[in-house]
Amino acid sequence: QVQLVESGGGLVQAGGSLKLSCVVSGRTFGSSTMGWFRRAPGKEREFVAAITPIGGSENYAGSVKGRATISRDNAKNTLYLQMNSLKPEDTAAYYCVARYYYPGRPFSRTSEWQYWGQGTQVTVSS
């Protein structure tokens, strides 16, 4: 059974930073494309970032580009999301996602991802 467990969320002031983590068990982490989505109150789930298993190619949503860094540690089966210069509009539940490696497939559709974590809440105060 595949499990994705996020941690690292919390309350932070605008301009601050947070680093989210996601530990994956039950599948081959090193061969999976990994990513992050978020859902703000009253909104649809939104793609944040993704990283491929081959070459570690990164992809970001425009709303976080330049402020977020996705990374992975295959030895620890762990995915990370470093968020800097946080804004109140970054307030959301952040979800770790995983899928098989499909070169060329889009990242931003929720239907493209097979496995989801339970989420970790990030709240940014103004």
C-alpha atoms as a PDB file:
ATOM      1  CA  GLN A   1       0.000   0.000   0.000  1.00  0.00           C
ATOM      2  CA  VAL A   2       1.363   3.379  -1.016  1.00  0.00           C
ATOM      3  CA  GLN A   3       1.546   6.005   1.697  1.00  0.00           C
ATOM      4  CA  LEU A   4       2.534   9.631   1.403  1.00  0.00           C
ATOM      5  CA  VAL A   5       2.893  11.476   4.695  1.00  0.00           C
ATOM      6  CA  GLU A   6       3.437  15.222   4.716  1.00  0.00           C
ATOM      7  CA  SER A   7       4.851  17.330   7.509  1.00  0.00           C
ATOM      8  CA  GLY A   8       6.284  20.777   8.085  1.00  0.00           C
ATOM      9  CA  GLY A   9       3.207  22.934   7.784  1.00  0.00           C
ATOM     10  CA  GLY A  10       2.326  25.607  10.294  1.00  0.00           C
ATOM     11  CA  LEU A  11       1.663  29.263  10.931  1.00  0.00           C
ATOM     12  CA  VAL A  12       4.157  31.755   9.551  1.00  0.00           C
ATOM     13  CA  GLN A  13       4.219  35.502   9.010  1.00  0.00           C
ATOM     14  CA  ALA A  14       4.214  36.989   5.546  1.00  0.00           C
ATOM     15  CA  GLY A  15       7.734  37.095   4.194  1.00  0.00           C
ATOM     16  CA  GLY A  16       8.752  34.018   6.145  1.00  0.00           C
ATOM     17  CA  SER A  17       9.763  30.542   5.024  1.00  0.00           C
ATOM     18  CA  LEU A  18       8.686  26.967   5.492  1.00  0.00           C
ATOM     19  CA  LYS A  19      10.034  23.626   4.349  1.00  0.00           C
ATOM     20  CA  LEU A  20       7.528  20.866   3.758  1.00  0.00           C
ATOM     21  CA  SER A  21       8.486  17.200   3.705  1.00  0.00           C
ATOM     22  CA  CYS A  22       6.792  14.108   2.354  1.00  0.00           C
ATOM     23  CA  VAL A  23       7.894  10.589   3.206  1.00  0.00           C
ATOM     24  CA  VAL A  24       6.820   7.906   0.744  1.00  0.00           C
ATOM     25  CA  SER A  25       6.452   4.210   1.447  1.00  0.00           C
ATOM     26  CA  GLY A  26       5.068   1.276  -0.475  1.00  0.00           C
ATOM     27  CA  ARG A  27       6.401   2.068  -3.932  1.00  0.00           C
ATOM     28  CA  THR A  28       9.680   2.757  -5.670  1.00  0.00           C
ATOM     29  CA  PHE A  29      10.249   6.403  -4.813  1.00  0.00           C
ATOM     30  CA  GLY A  30      13.313   6.709  -7.000  1.00  0.00           C
ATOM     31  CA  SER A  31      11.363   5.919 -10.183  1.00  0.00           C
ATOM     32  CA  SER A  32       8.317   8.098  -9.428  1.00  0.00           C
ATOM     33  CA  THR A  33       7.519  11.591 -10.533  1.00  0.00           C
ATOM     34  CA  MET A  34       6.687  13.557  -7.397  1.00  0.00           C
ATOM     35  CA  GLY A  35       4.861  16.803  -6.848  1.00  0.00           C
ATOM     36  CA  TRP A  36       2.938  19.193  -4.642  1.00  0.00           C
ATOM     37  CA  PHE A  37      -0.559  20.561  -4.953  1.00  0.00           C
ATOM     38  CA  ARG A  38      -2.424  22.918  -2.673  1.00  0.00           C
ATOM     39  CA  ARG A  39      -6.002  23.803  -1.914  1.00  0.00           C
ATOM     40  CA  ALA A  40      -6.920  27.171  -0.494  1.00  0.00           C
ATOM     41  CA  PRO A  41     -10.237  27.610   1.324  1.00  0.00           C
ATOM     42  CA  GLY A  42     -13.095  27.690  -1.154  1.00  0.00           C
ATOM     43  CA  LYS A  43     -10.861  26.963  -4.149  1.00  0.00           C
ATOM     44  CA  GLU A  44      -9.940  24.019  -6.349  1.00  0.00           C
ATOM     45  CA  ARG A  45      -6.723  22.087  -5.913  1.00  0.00           C
ATOM     46  CA  GLU A  46      -3.876  23.903  -7.595  1.00  0.00           C
ATOM     47  CA  PHE A  47      -0.624  22.533  -8.943  1.00  0.00           C
ATOM     48  CA  VAL A  48       2.441  23.904  -7.158  1.00  0.00           C
ATOM     49  CA  ALA A  49       5.539  22.006  -8.324  1.00  0.00           C
ATOM     50  CA  ALA A  50       6.792  18.696  -9.679  1.00  0.00           C
ATOM     51  CA  ILE A  51      10.089  16.892 -10.031  1.00  0.00           C
ATOM     52  CA  THR A  52      10.898  13.967 -12.296  1.00  0.00           C
ATOM     53  CA  PRO A  53      12.860  10.896 -11.260  1.00  0.00           C
ATOM     54  CA  ILE A  54      15.127  11.054 -14.306  1.00  0.00           C
ATOM     55  CA  GLY A  55      17.444  14.002 -14.096  1.00  0.00           C
ATOM     56  CA  GLY A  56      15.383  15.682 -11.382  1.00  0.00           C
ATOM     57  CA  SER A  57      13.776  18.130 -13.805  1.00  0.00           C
ATOM     58  CA  GLU A  58      11.676  20.704 -11.915  1.00  0.00           C
ATOM     59  CA  ASN A  59       8.440  22.382 -12.914  1.00  0.00           C
ATOM     60  CA  TYR A  60       6.659  25.195 -11.047  1.00  0.00           C
ATOM     61  CA  ALA A  61       3.372  27.017 -11.130  1.00  0.00           C
ATOM     62  CA  GLY A  62       3.737  30.657 -12.024  1.00  0.00           C
ATOM     63  CA  SER A  63       2.332  31.687  -8.663  1.00  0.00           C
ATOM     64  CA  VAL A  64       5.304  30.200  -6.769  1.00  0.00           C
ATOM     65  CA  LYS A  65       8.101  30.340  -9.334  1.00  0.00           C
ATOM     66  CA  GLY A  66      11.122  32.053  -7.849  1.00  0.00           C
ATOM     67  CA  ARG A  67       9.863  31.516  -4.304  1.00  0.00           C
ATOM     68  CA  ALA A  68       9.623  27.721  -4.149  1.00  0.00           C
ATOM     69  CA  THR A  69      12.137  24.940  -4.599  1.00  0.00           C
ATOM     70  CA  ILE A  70      11.160  21.299  -4.952  1.00  0.00           C
ATOM     71  CA  SER A  71      13.761  18.649  -4.224  1.00  0.00           C
ATOM     72  CA  ARG A  72      14.015  14.958  -3.456  1.00  0.00           C
ATOM     73  CA  ASP A  73      16.264  12.639  -1.510  1.00  0.00           C
ATOM     74  CA  ASN A  74      15.915   9.201  -3.067  1.00  0.00           C
ATOM     75  CA  ALA A  75      17.981   7.577  -0.322  1.00  0.00           C
ATOM     76  CA  LYS A  76      15.436   8.764   2.252  1.00  0.00           C
ATOM     77  CA  ASN A  77      12.299   8.337   0.099  1.00  0.00           C
ATOM     78  CA  THR A  78      11.541  11.945   0.893  1.00  0.00           C
ATOM     79  CA  LEU A  79      10.245  14.877  -1.125  1.00  0.00           C
ATOM     80  CA  TYR A  80      10.674  18.496  -0.051  1.00  0.00           C
ATOM     81  CA  LEU A  81       9.169  21.866  -0.845  1.00  0.00           C
ATOM     82  CA  GLN A  82      11.045  24.949   0.340  1.00  0.00           C
ATOM     83  CA  MET A  83       8.801  28.003   0.285  1.00  0.00           C
ATOM     84  CA  ASN A  84      10.274  31.483   0.762  1.00  0.00           C
ATOM     85  CA  SER A  85       8.799  34.985   0.791  1.00  0.00           C
ATOM     86  CA  LEU A  86       5.471  33.524   1.792  1.00  0.00           C
ATOM     87  CA  LYS A  87       2.328  35.532   1.124  1.00  0.00           C
ATOM     88  CA  PRO A  88      -1.139  35.311   2.703  1.00  0.00           C
ATOM     89  CA  GLU A  89      -2.390  33.902  -0.608  1.00  0.00           C
ATOM     90  CA  ASP A  90      -0.105  30.892  -0.078  1.00  0.00           C
ATOM     91  CA  THR A  91      -2.390  29.837   2.776  1.00  0.00           C
ATOM     92  CA  ALA A  92      -3.656  26.368   1.868  1.00  0.00           C
ATOM     93  CA  ALA A  93      -3.508  22.684   2.598  1.00  0.00           C
ATOM     94  CA  TYR A  94      -0.473  21.314   0.762  1.00  0.00           C
ATOM     95  CA  TYR A  95      -0.622  17.813  -0.688  1.00  0.00           C
ATOM     96  CA  CYS A  96       2.207  15.533  -1.721  1.00  0.00           C
ATOM     97  CA  VAL A  97       1.483  13.558  -4.901  1.00  0.00           C
ATOM     98  CA  ALA A  98       3.137  10.742  -6.805  1.00  0.00           C
ATOM     99  CA  ARG A  99       2.751   8.989 -10.138  1.00  0.00           C
ATOM    100  CA  TYR A 100       4.582   6.699 -12.471  1.00  0.00           C
ATOM    101  CA  TYR A 101       7.097   8.375 -14.724  1.00  0.00           C
ATOM    102  CA  TYR A 102       5.358   9.441 -17.975  1.00  0.00           C
ATOM    103  CA  PRO A 103       7.623  11.682 -20.055  1.00  0.00           C
ATOM    104  CA  GLY A 104       5.727  14.562 -21.593  1.00  0.00           C
ATOM    105  CA  ARG A 105       2.558  14.175 -19.529  1.00  0.00           C
ATOM    106  CA  PRO A 106       1.218  17.372 -17.965  1.00  0.00           C
ATOM    107  CA  PHE A 107       1.787  18.059 -14.293  1.00  0.00           C
ATOM    108  CA  SER A 108      -1.030  20.449 -13.512  1.00  0.00           C
ATOM    109  CA  ARG A 109      -4.046  18.147 -13.814  1.00  0.00           C
ATOM    110  CA  THR A 110      -5.120  16.396 -10.628  1.00  0.00           C
ATOM    111  CA  SER A 111      -6.223  13.389 -12.707  1.00  0.00           C
ATOM    112  CA  GLU A 112      -2.601  12.793 -13.778  1.00  0.00           C
ATOM    113  CA  TRP A 113      -1.564  11.818 -10.242  1.00  0.00           C
ATOM    114  CA  GLN A 114      -2.240   8.373  -8.804  1.00  0.00           C
ATOM    115  CA  TYR A 115      -1.291   8.843  -5.181  1.00  0.00           C
ATOM    116  CA  TRP A 116      -2.080  11.627  -2.732  1.00  0.00           C
ATOM    117  CA  GLY A 117      -1.109  12.395   0.822  1.00  0.00           C
ATOM    118  CA  GLN A 118      -3.498  13.691   3.473  1.00  0.00           C
ATOM    119  CA  GLY A 119      -2.100  17.200   3.381  1.00  0.00           C
ATOM    120  CA  THR A 120      -0.383  19.607   5.733  1.00  0.00           C
ATOM    121  CA  GLN A 121      -1.781  23.042   6.504  1.00  0.00           C
ATOM    122  CA  VAL A 122       0.196  26.190   5.805  1.00  0.00           C
ATOM    123  CA  THR A 123      -1.192  29.456   7.133  1.00  0.00           C
ATOM    124  CA  VAL A 124       0.478  32.756   6.310  1.00  0.00           C
ATOM    125  CA  SER A 125      -0.533  35.745   8.398  1.00  0.00           C
ATOM    126  CA  SER A 126      -0.313  39.279   7.098  1.00  0.00           C
END
